[in-house]
Protein backbone atom coordinates (compact mmCIF):
# COMPACT_ATOMS: atom_id res chain seq x y z
CA MET A 1 -29.78 -14.43 -41.53
CA LYS A 2 -26.01 -14.01 -41.90
CA THR A 3 -25.64 -13.41 -38.16
CA ILE A 4 -27.56 -16.59 -37.35
CA ILE A 5 -25.30 -18.59 -39.65
CA LYS A 6 -22.20 -17.07 -38.02
CA LEU A 7 -23.49 -17.92 -34.53
CA PHE A 8 -24.35 -21.46 -35.66
CA LEU A 9 -20.83 -21.91 -37.08
CA MET A 10 -19.28 -20.50 -33.92
CA GLY A 11 -21.35 -22.95 -31.89
CA VAL A 12 -20.02 -25.77 -34.05
CA ALA A 13 -16.48 -24.43 -33.56
CA ILE A 14 -17.00 -24.34 -29.79
CA MET A 15 -18.26 -27.94 -29.81
CA ILE A 16 -15.28 -29.11 -31.88
CA SER A 17 -12.79 -27.21 -29.72
CA ALA A 18 -14.33 -28.55 -26.51
CA TYR A 19 -14.15 -32.08 -27.95
CA ILE A 20 -10.45 -31.66 -28.74
CA ILE A 21 -9.42 -30.10 -25.41
CA PRO A 22 -9.94 -32.27 -22.31
CA GLY A 23 -10.05 -29.32 -19.89
CA VAL A 24 -13.16 -27.79 -21.47
CA ARG A 25 -16.69 -29.18 -21.23
CA VAL A 26 -19.82 -28.07 -23.09
CA ASP A 27 -23.09 -29.79 -22.14
CA GLY A 28 -24.75 -29.53 -25.53
CA PHE A 29 -25.09 -27.64 -28.76
CA LEU A 30 -27.59 -25.16 -27.33
CA VAL A 31 -25.09 -24.31 -24.59
CA ALA A 32 -22.42 -23.87 -27.28
CA VAL A 33 -24.63 -21.39 -29.15
CA VAL A 34 -25.29 -19.49 -25.89
CA VAL A 35 -21.52 -19.43 -25.27
CA ALA A 36 -21.05 -18.08 -28.80
CA VAL A 37 -23.58 -15.30 -28.17
CA ILE A 38 -22.16 -14.35 -24.75
CA LEU A 39 -18.57 -14.55 -26.00
CA SER A 40 -19.47 -12.28 -28.92
CA ILE A 41 -21.05 -9.76 -26.56
CA VAL A 42 -18.07 -9.89 -24.18
CA ASN A 43 -15.63 -9.50 -27.08
CA PHE A 44 -17.63 -6.54 -28.37
CA LEU A 45 -18.13 -4.69 -25.06
CA ILE A 46 -15.41 -5.63 -22.59
CA LYS A 47 -12.42 -6.78 -24.64
CA PRO A 48 -11.69 -3.38 -26.31
CA ILE A 49 -11.59 -1.67 -22.92
CA VAL A 50 -9.25 -4.30 -21.45
CA THR A 51 -7.07 -4.20 -24.56
CA LEU A 52 -6.80 -0.43 -24.36
CA LEU A 53 -5.92 -0.53 -20.66
CA THR A 54 -3.23 -3.17 -21.22
CA LEU A 55 -1.80 -1.60 -24.37
CA PRO A 56 1.69 -0.98 -22.91
CA ILE A 57 2.02 -4.64 -21.85
CA ASN A 58 0.66 -5.71 -25.22
CA ILE A 59 3.26 -3.62 -27.04
CA LEU A 60 6.08 -5.00 -24.87
CA THR A 61 5.03 -8.59 -25.56
CA LEU A 62 4.51 -7.88 -29.27
CA GLY A 63 0.82 -8.79 -29.07
CA LEU A 64 1.19 -12.08 -27.20
CA PHE A 65 -0.66 -10.60 -24.23
CA ASN A 66 -3.78 -10.85 -26.40
CA LEU A 67 -3.72 -14.60 -25.63
CA VAL A 68 -4.04 -13.74 -21.94
CA ILE A 69 -6.87 -11.31 -22.64
CA ASN A 70 -8.71 -13.92 -24.74
CA ALA A 71 -8.28 -16.50 -21.97
CA LEU A 72 -9.69 -14.05 -19.42
CA MET A 73 -12.72 -13.45 -21.65
CA ILE A 74 -13.25 -17.22 -21.96
CA MET A 75 -12.95 -17.65 -18.18
CA LEU A 76 -15.49 -14.84 -17.72
CA VAL A 77 -17.95 -16.57 -20.06
CA SER A 78 -17.28 -19.87 -18.28
CA SER A 79 -18.28 -18.31 -14.97
CA VAL A 80 -21.50 -16.87 -16.44
CA VAL A 81 -22.85 -19.68 -18.64
CA PRO A 82 -24.03 -22.84 -16.89
CA GLY A 83 -23.05 -25.96 -18.80
CA PHE A 84 -19.78 -24.47 -20.03
CA PHE A 85 -16.77 -25.36 -17.89
CA VAL A 86 -13.10 -24.49 -18.33
CA ALA A 87 -10.82 -26.25 -15.83
CA SER A 88 -8.01 -23.69 -15.60
CA PHE A 89 -6.40 -20.64 -17.14
CA GLY A 90 -4.04 -22.77 -19.21
CA TRP A 91 -6.95 -24.69 -20.72
CA ALA A 92 -8.60 -21.34 -21.49
CA VAL A 93 -5.51 -20.17 -23.38
CA LEU A 94 -5.38 -23.42 -25.35
CA PHE A 95 -9.15 -23.28 -25.96
CA GLY A 96 -8.82 -19.73 -27.34
CA ILE A 97 -6.07 -20.81 -29.74
CA VAL A 98 -7.91 -23.91 -30.94
CA LEU A 99 -11.21 -22.04 -31.18
CA SER A 100 -9.69 -19.38 -33.41
CA LEU A 101 -8.10 -22.04 -35.64
CA VAL A 102 -11.33 -24.04 -35.94
CA ASN A 103 -13.35 -20.87 -36.49
CA GLY A 104 -10.95 -19.86 -39.25
CA LEU A 105 -11.25 -23.26 -40.91
CA LEU A 106 -15.04 -23.15 -40.73
CA GLY A 107 -14.98 -19.61 -42.10
CA THR A 108 -13.10 -20.75 -45.18
CA VAL A 109 -15.59 -23.58 -45.72
CA LYS A 110 -18.50 -21.13 -45.45
CA ASP A 111 -17.15 -18.80 -48.16
């Protein structure tokens, strides 16, 4: 039940973030929940491998390269999920930042 609530809140965060950022489009709440599921899977399976491979760059940039990695994961999800569109890499970076902020705010409301 806790996982379903987390996915629901992440779907809400995706809808809010897509509403704020003009370069991102989500066609509905169901698509936002699917994006939340796929993004969670990608972050669980692919992101640790990419982070490990880019560790030297990440150390040199003091962790700012994580923004690039997050944007790449968002672009990957955008190419897989129909109904979720990110216009460019820059919008993906901004979407990742706003999504983490909105997700954090929703997380504090949940607790």
